[in-house]
């Protein structure tokens, strides 16, 4: 089954800037921040395009910067699937209701965008 067929939520086709805190494989290096763009968004997940692969099952901290929103939104997401096309890695995150995340703000923002643009 392909990733498109597994979607049960309405998705917004919107490109926004996302900062992903990548944890090192060893305990001695510092985390790095990767800047990427979203492909699509939903209340419980998002898809991004990256230059490098990410392992399925990895849980990462995300910072989403909507251009029309004052404050960034911090989220925690698990990599649920990846695919490679033309040397680019497409990664699907499932978002969690986690401590120190702004998941409620995220859900409200996505709901408001869907009500403004119901054709998405």
N, C-alpha and C. Protein backbone atom coordinates (compact mmCIF):
# COMPACT_ATOMS: atom_id res chain seq x y z
N UNK A 1 0.86 -1.18 0.00
CA UNK A 1 0.00 0.00 0.00
C UNK A 1 0.90 1.23 0.00
N UNK A 2 0.63 2.17 -0.85
CA UNK A 2 1.48 3.34 -0.90
C UNK A 2 1.01 4.38 0.12
N UNK A 3 1.91 5.35 0.43
CA UNK A 3 1.65 6.32 1.50
C UNK A 3 0.41 7.15 1.24
N UNK A 4 0.11 7.46 -0.02
CA UNK A 4 -1.07 8.25 -0.34
C UNK A 4 -2.35 7.51 0.08
N UNK A 5 -2.35 6.18 -0.05
CA UNK A 5 -3.54 5.40 0.26
C UNK A 5 -3.80 5.29 1.75
N UNK A 6 -2.80 5.51 2.59
CA UNK A 6 -2.96 5.37 4.04
C UNK A 6 -3.50 6.62 4.70
N UNK A 7 -3.63 7.69 3.98
CA UNK A 7 -4.06 8.96 4.56
C UNK A 7 -5.55 8.93 4.88
N UNK A 8 -5.87 9.30 6.12
CA UNK A 8 -7.27 9.36 6.52
C UNK A 8 -7.69 10.77 6.88
N UNK A 9 -6.75 11.71 6.91
CA UNK A 9 -7.04 13.09 7.26
C UNK A 9 -6.91 13.99 6.05
N UNK A 10 -7.61 15.10 6.12
CA UNK A 10 -7.45 16.12 5.09
C UNK A 10 -6.07 16.74 5.23
N UNK A 11 -5.41 16.91 4.12
CA UNK A 11 -4.06 17.47 4.10
C UNK A 11 -4.05 18.83 3.42
N UNK A 12 -3.22 19.71 3.94
CA UNK A 12 -2.97 20.99 3.31
C UNK A 12 -1.71 20.87 2.48
N UNK A 13 -1.79 21.26 1.24
CA UNK A 13 -0.61 21.29 0.37
C UNK A 13 0.03 22.65 0.58
N UNK A 14 0.90 22.75 1.58
CA UNK A 14 1.50 24.04 1.91
C UNK A 14 2.97 23.86 2.19
N UNK A 15 3.77 24.75 1.63
CA UNK A 15 5.20 24.70 1.84
C UNK A 15 5.56 25.72 2.93
N UNK A 16 6.03 25.20 4.06
CA UNK A 16 6.47 26.05 5.16
C UNK A 16 7.86 25.60 5.58
N UNK A 17 8.56 26.46 6.30
CA UNK A 17 9.90 26.14 6.77
C UNK A 17 9.81 25.33 8.06
N UNK A 18 10.57 24.24 8.09
CA UNK A 18 10.60 23.38 9.27
C UNK A 18 12.06 23.15 9.66
N UNK A 19 12.33 23.30 10.95
CA UNK A 19 13.65 23.03 11.50
C UNK A 19 13.55 21.71 12.26
N UNK A 20 14.43 20.77 11.95
CA UNK A 20 14.41 19.46 12.59
C UNK A 20 15.70 19.29 13.38
N UNK A 21 15.57 18.97 14.67
CA UNK A 21 16.73 18.72 15.51
C UNK A 21 17.12 17.25 15.34
N UNK A 22 18.25 17.03 14.66
CA UNK A 22 18.74 15.68 14.39
C UNK A 22 19.72 15.28 15.49
N UNK A 23 19.44 14.16 16.09
CA UNK A 23 20.30 13.66 17.16
C UNK A 23 21.44 12.85 16.54
N UNK A 24 22.65 13.02 17.09
CA UNK A 24 23.79 12.27 16.56
C UNK A 24 23.68 10.78 16.90
N UNK A 25 24.35 9.95 16.12
CA UNK A 25 24.34 8.52 16.38
C UNK A 25 25.23 8.16 17.57
N UNK A 26 26.20 9.01 17.87
CA UNK A 26 27.05 8.76 19.04
C UNK A 26 26.64 9.72 20.16
N UNK A 27 27.10 9.45 21.36
CA UNK A 27 26.72 10.28 22.50
C UNK A 27 27.64 11.48 22.68
N UNK A 28 28.64 11.62 21.83
CA UNK A 28 29.64 12.65 22.04
C UNK A 28 29.45 13.88 21.16
N UNK A 29 28.66 13.77 20.12
CA UNK A 29 28.42 14.89 19.22
C UNK A 29 27.21 15.69 19.66
N UNK A 30 27.15 16.93 19.24
CA UNK A 30 26.01 17.80 19.52
C UNK A 30 24.94 17.58 18.46
N UNK A 31 23.67 17.78 18.83
CA UNK A 31 22.61 17.70 17.82
C UNK A 31 22.82 18.77 16.75
N UNK A 32 22.34 18.50 15.55
CA UNK A 32 22.38 19.49 14.48
C UNK A 32 20.95 19.84 14.09
N UNK A 33 20.79 21.00 13.48
CA UNK A 33 19.48 21.43 13.03
C UNK A 33 19.48 21.43 11.51
N UNK A 34 18.51 20.74 10.94
CA UNK A 34 18.34 20.67 9.50
C UNK A 34 17.14 21.53 9.13
N UNK A 35 17.30 22.37 8.13
CA UNK A 35 16.21 23.22 7.65
C UNK A 35 15.64 22.59 6.39
N UNK A 36 14.33 22.43 6.36
CA UNK A 36 13.68 21.82 5.20
C UNK A 36 12.33 22.47 4.97
N UNK A 37 11.64 22.01 3.94
CA UNK A 37 10.31 22.51 3.62
C UNK A 37 9.30 21.39 3.70
N UNK A 38 8.09 21.76 4.08
CA UNK A 38 7.01 20.77 4.11
C UNK A 38 6.48 20.54 2.70
N UNK A 39 5.90 19.37 2.51
CA UNK A 39 5.19 19.04 1.29
C UNK A 39 3.69 19.16 1.56
N UNK A 40 3.26 18.56 2.68
CA UNK A 40 1.87 18.70 3.10
C UNK A 40 1.78 18.58 4.61
N UNK A 41 0.62 19.01 5.15
CA UNK A 41 0.40 19.10 6.59
C UNK A 41 -0.98 18.56 6.93
N UNK A 42 -1.12 18.00 8.12
CA UNK A 42 -2.43 17.65 8.66
C UNK A 42 -2.38 17.86 10.16
N UNK A 43 -3.50 17.65 10.82
CA UNK A 43 -3.58 17.86 12.26
C UNK A 43 -2.65 16.92 13.03
N UNK A 44 -2.41 15.73 12.48
CA UNK A 44 -1.61 14.74 13.21
C UNK A 44 -0.33 14.32 12.50
N UNK A 45 0.05 15.04 11.44
CA UNK A 45 1.26 14.65 10.74
C UNK A 45 1.68 15.67 9.72
N UNK A 46 2.86 15.43 9.16
CA UNK A 46 3.36 16.26 8.08
C UNK A 46 4.39 15.49 7.28
N UNK A 47 4.59 15.94 6.05
CA UNK A 47 5.56 15.34 5.15
C UNK A 47 6.57 16.41 4.78
N UNK A 48 7.86 16.05 4.83
CA UNK A 48 8.92 16.98 4.48
C UNK A 48 9.83 16.37 3.43
N UNK A 49 10.62 17.23 2.82
CA UNK A 49 11.62 16.80 1.85
C UNK A 49 12.99 17.13 2.43
N UNK A 50 13.86 16.11 2.49
CA UNK A 50 15.20 16.26 3.06
C UNK A 50 16.26 15.83 2.06
N UNK A 51 17.48 16.32 2.25
CA UNK A 51 18.61 15.90 1.43
C UNK A 51 19.16 14.55 1.86
N UNK A 52 19.06 14.25 3.16
CA UNK A 52 19.64 13.02 3.72
C UNK A 52 18.56 12.11 4.29
N UNK A 53 18.82 10.81 4.33
CA UNK A 53 17.82 9.87 4.87
C UNK A 53 17.69 9.98 6.39
N UNK A 54 16.54 9.54 6.88
CA UNK A 54 16.26 9.46 8.32
C UNK A 54 15.67 8.08 8.57
N UNK A 55 16.06 7.48 9.68
CA UNK A 55 15.61 6.13 9.98
C UNK A 55 14.16 6.12 10.48
N UNK A 56 13.37 5.19 9.95
CA UNK A 56 11.99 5.01 10.40
C UNK A 56 12.00 4.67 11.89
N UNK A 57 11.08 5.26 12.63
CA UNK A 57 10.99 5.03 14.07
C UNK A 57 11.70 6.09 14.90
N UNK A 58 12.49 6.94 14.26
CA UNK A 58 13.21 8.00 14.97
C UNK A 58 12.21 9.05 15.44
N UNK A 59 12.34 9.48 16.68
CA UNK A 59 11.50 10.53 17.24
C UNK A 59 12.34 11.80 17.33
N UNK A 60 11.83 12.87 16.72
CA UNK A 60 12.60 14.10 16.60
C UNK A 60 11.77 15.31 17.03
N UNK A 61 12.47 16.35 17.41
CA UNK A 61 11.84 17.63 17.75
C UNK A 61 11.82 18.49 16.49
N UNK A 62 10.65 19.07 16.21
CA UNK A 62 10.44 19.89 15.02
C UNK A 62 10.04 21.30 15.45
N UNK A 63 10.48 22.27 14.69
CA UNK A 63 10.06 23.65 14.91
C UNK A 63 9.49 24.14 13.58
N UNK A 64 8.23 24.54 13.59
CA UNK A 64 7.53 24.95 12.38
C UNK A 64 7.38 26.46 12.38
N UNK A 65 7.77 27.07 11.26
CA UNK A 65 7.72 28.52 11.13
C UNK A 65 6.75 28.90 10.03
N UNK A 66 5.49 29.16 10.42
CA UNK A 66 4.51 29.68 9.47
C UNK A 66 4.83 31.15 9.27
N UNK A 67 4.88 31.60 8.05
CA UNK A 67 5.27 32.97 7.77
C UNK A 67 4.27 33.98 8.30
N UNK A 68 3.00 33.59 8.40
CA UNK A 68 1.97 34.51 8.88
C UNK A 68 1.67 34.35 10.37
N UNK A 69 2.45 33.52 11.05
CA UNK A 69 2.25 33.28 12.48
C UNK A 69 3.42 33.91 13.23
N UNK A 70 3.15 34.59 14.33
CA UNK A 70 4.22 35.27 15.07
C UNK A 70 5.23 34.29 15.67
N UNK A 71 4.73 33.31 16.36
CA UNK A 71 5.61 32.42 17.12
C UNK A 71 5.78 31.08 16.41
N UNK A 72 6.99 30.52 16.49
CA UNK A 72 7.17 29.18 15.94
C UNK A 72 6.39 28.17 16.78
N UNK A 73 6.07 27.05 16.16
CA UNK A 73 5.35 25.98 16.84
C UNK A 73 6.30 24.80 16.99
N UNK A 74 6.46 24.34 18.23
CA UNK A 74 7.36 23.22 18.52
C UNK A 74 6.55 21.93 18.62
N UNK A 75 7.03 20.90 17.92
CA UNK A 75 6.32 19.62 17.85
C UNK A 75 7.29 18.47 18.06
N UNK A 76 6.75 17.33 18.43
CA UNK A 76 7.51 16.08 18.52
C UNK A 76 6.87 15.12 17.52
N UNK A 77 7.72 14.54 16.66
CA UNK A 77 7.19 13.65 15.65
C UNK A 77 8.03 12.41 15.45
N UNK A 78 7.37 11.33 15.09
CA UNK A 78 8.05 10.07 14.79
C UNK A 78 8.05 9.85 13.28
N UNK A 79 9.21 9.45 12.76
CA UNK A 79 9.32 9.13 11.35
C UNK A 79 8.56 7.82 11.11
N UNK A 80 7.48 7.89 10.32
CA UNK A 80 6.65 6.71 10.06
C UNK A 80 6.97 6.07 8.72
N UNK A 81 7.43 6.86 7.77
CA UNK A 81 7.79 6.30 6.47
C UNK A 81 8.79 7.23 5.78
N UNK A 82 9.55 6.67 4.87
CA UNK A 82 10.47 7.45 4.03
C UNK A 82 10.46 6.85 2.63
N UNK A 83 10.75 7.69 1.67
CA UNK A 83 10.92 7.24 0.31
C UNK A 83 11.93 8.15 -0.37
N UNK A 84 12.64 7.63 -1.34
CA UNK A 84 13.64 8.42 -2.05
C UNK A 84 13.24 8.55 -3.51
N UNK A 85 13.37 9.78 -4.02
CA UNK A 85 13.07 10.05 -5.42
C UNK A 85 13.99 11.17 -5.88
N UNK A 86 14.73 10.93 -6.95
CA UNK A 86 15.64 11.93 -7.53
C UNK A 86 16.61 12.50 -6.49
N UNK A 87 17.21 11.61 -5.70
CA UNK A 87 18.19 11.97 -4.67
C UNK A 87 17.62 12.84 -3.56
N UNK A 88 16.31 12.90 -3.43
CA UNK A 88 15.66 13.60 -2.33
C UNK A 88 14.92 12.57 -1.48
N UNK A 89 14.86 12.83 -0.18
CA UNK A 89 14.22 11.91 0.76
C UNK A 89 12.93 12.57 1.25
N UNK A 90 11.83 11.87 1.04
CA UNK A 90 10.53 12.33 1.51
C UNK A 90 10.21 11.56 2.78
N UNK A 91 9.88 12.30 3.83
CA UNK A 91 9.73 11.72 5.16
C UNK A 91 8.36 12.10 5.72
N UNK A 92 7.64 11.09 6.22
CA UNK A 92 6.35 11.31 6.84
C UNK A 92 6.45 11.20 8.35
N UNK A 93 6.02 12.26 9.03
CA UNK A 93 6.03 12.30 10.50
C UNK A 93 4.63 12.15 11.05
N UNK A 94 4.50 11.36 12.11
CA UNK A 94 3.28 11.35 12.92
C UNK A 94 3.59 12.23 14.13
N UNK A 95 2.71 13.18 14.42
CA UNK A 95 2.94 14.12 15.52
C UNK A 95 2.33 13.58 16.80
N UNK A 96 3.05 13.83 17.91
CA UNK A 96 2.62 13.33 19.22
C UNK A 96 2.19 14.46 20.14
N UNK A 97 1.26 14.14 21.01
CA UNK A 97 0.86 15.03 22.09
C UNK A 97 1.88 14.81 23.20
N UNK A 98 2.97 15.57 23.14
CA UNK A 98 4.09 15.35 24.05
C UNK A 98 4.33 16.59 24.91
N UNK A 99 4.96 16.36 26.03
CA UNK A 99 5.34 17.45 26.92
C UNK A 99 6.27 18.39 26.15
N UNK A 100 6.15 19.68 26.41
CA UNK A 100 6.97 20.71 25.77
C UNK A 100 6.73 20.81 24.27
N UNK A 101 5.54 20.41 23.82
CA UNK A 101 5.20 20.62 22.42
C UNK A 101 3.97 21.53 22.35
N UNK A 102 3.77 22.13 21.20
CA UNK A 102 2.63 23.01 20.97
C UNK A 102 1.60 22.33 20.08
N UNK A 103 1.34 21.05 20.33
CA UNK A 103 0.45 20.27 19.47
C UNK A 103 -0.97 20.85 19.42
N UNK A 104 -1.45 21.40 20.53
CA UNK A 104 -2.81 21.98 20.55
C UNK A 104 -2.84 23.21 19.64
N UNK A 105 -1.83 24.07 19.74
CA UNK A 105 -1.75 25.24 18.86
C UNK A 105 -1.68 24.80 17.39
N UNK A 106 -0.91 23.74 17.13
CA UNK A 106 -0.79 23.20 15.77
C UNK A 106 -2.16 22.77 15.24
N UNK A 107 -2.88 22.00 16.03
CA UNK A 107 -4.18 21.48 15.59
C UNK A 107 -5.16 22.63 15.33
N UNK A 108 -5.14 23.64 16.20
CA UNK A 108 -6.02 24.79 15.99
C UNK A 108 -5.64 25.54 14.71
N UNK A 109 -4.35 25.70 14.47
CA UNK A 109 -3.89 26.40 13.28
C UNK A 109 -4.27 25.64 12.00
N UNK A 110 -4.07 24.33 12.00
CA UNK A 110 -4.43 23.53 10.83
C UNK A 110 -5.94 23.59 10.60
N UNK A 111 -6.73 23.47 11.69
CA UNK A 111 -8.19 23.55 11.55
C UNK A 111 -8.61 24.89 10.98
N UNK A 112 -7.99 25.96 11.42
CA UNK A 112 -8.37 27.28 10.89
C UNK A 112 -7.98 27.42 9.42
N UNK A 113 -6.84 26.87 9.04
CA UNK A 113 -6.43 26.91 7.63
C UNK A 113 -7.36 26.06 6.76
N UNK A 114 -7.80 24.92 7.28
CA UNK A 114 -8.74 24.08 6.53
C UNK A 114 -10.09 24.76 6.37
N UNK A 115 -10.53 25.51 7.37
CA UNK A 115 -11.83 26.18 7.25
C UNK A 115 -11.75 27.35 6.27
N UNK A 116 -10.57 27.94 6.12
CA UNK A 116 -10.38 29.03 5.16
C UNK A 116 -10.26 28.47 3.74
N UNK A 117 -9.56 27.34 3.61
CA UNK A 117 -9.30 26.72 2.30
C UNK A 117 -9.86 25.31 2.27
N UNK A 118 -11.16 25.11 2.26
CA UNK A 118 -11.72 23.76 2.34
C UNK A 118 -11.41 22.86 1.14
N UNK A 119 -10.94 23.42 0.03
CA UNK A 119 -10.63 22.58 -1.13
C UNK A 119 -9.34 21.77 -0.95
N UNK A 120 -8.53 22.08 0.04
CA UNK A 120 -7.28 21.32 0.26
C UNK A 120 -7.53 19.95 0.75
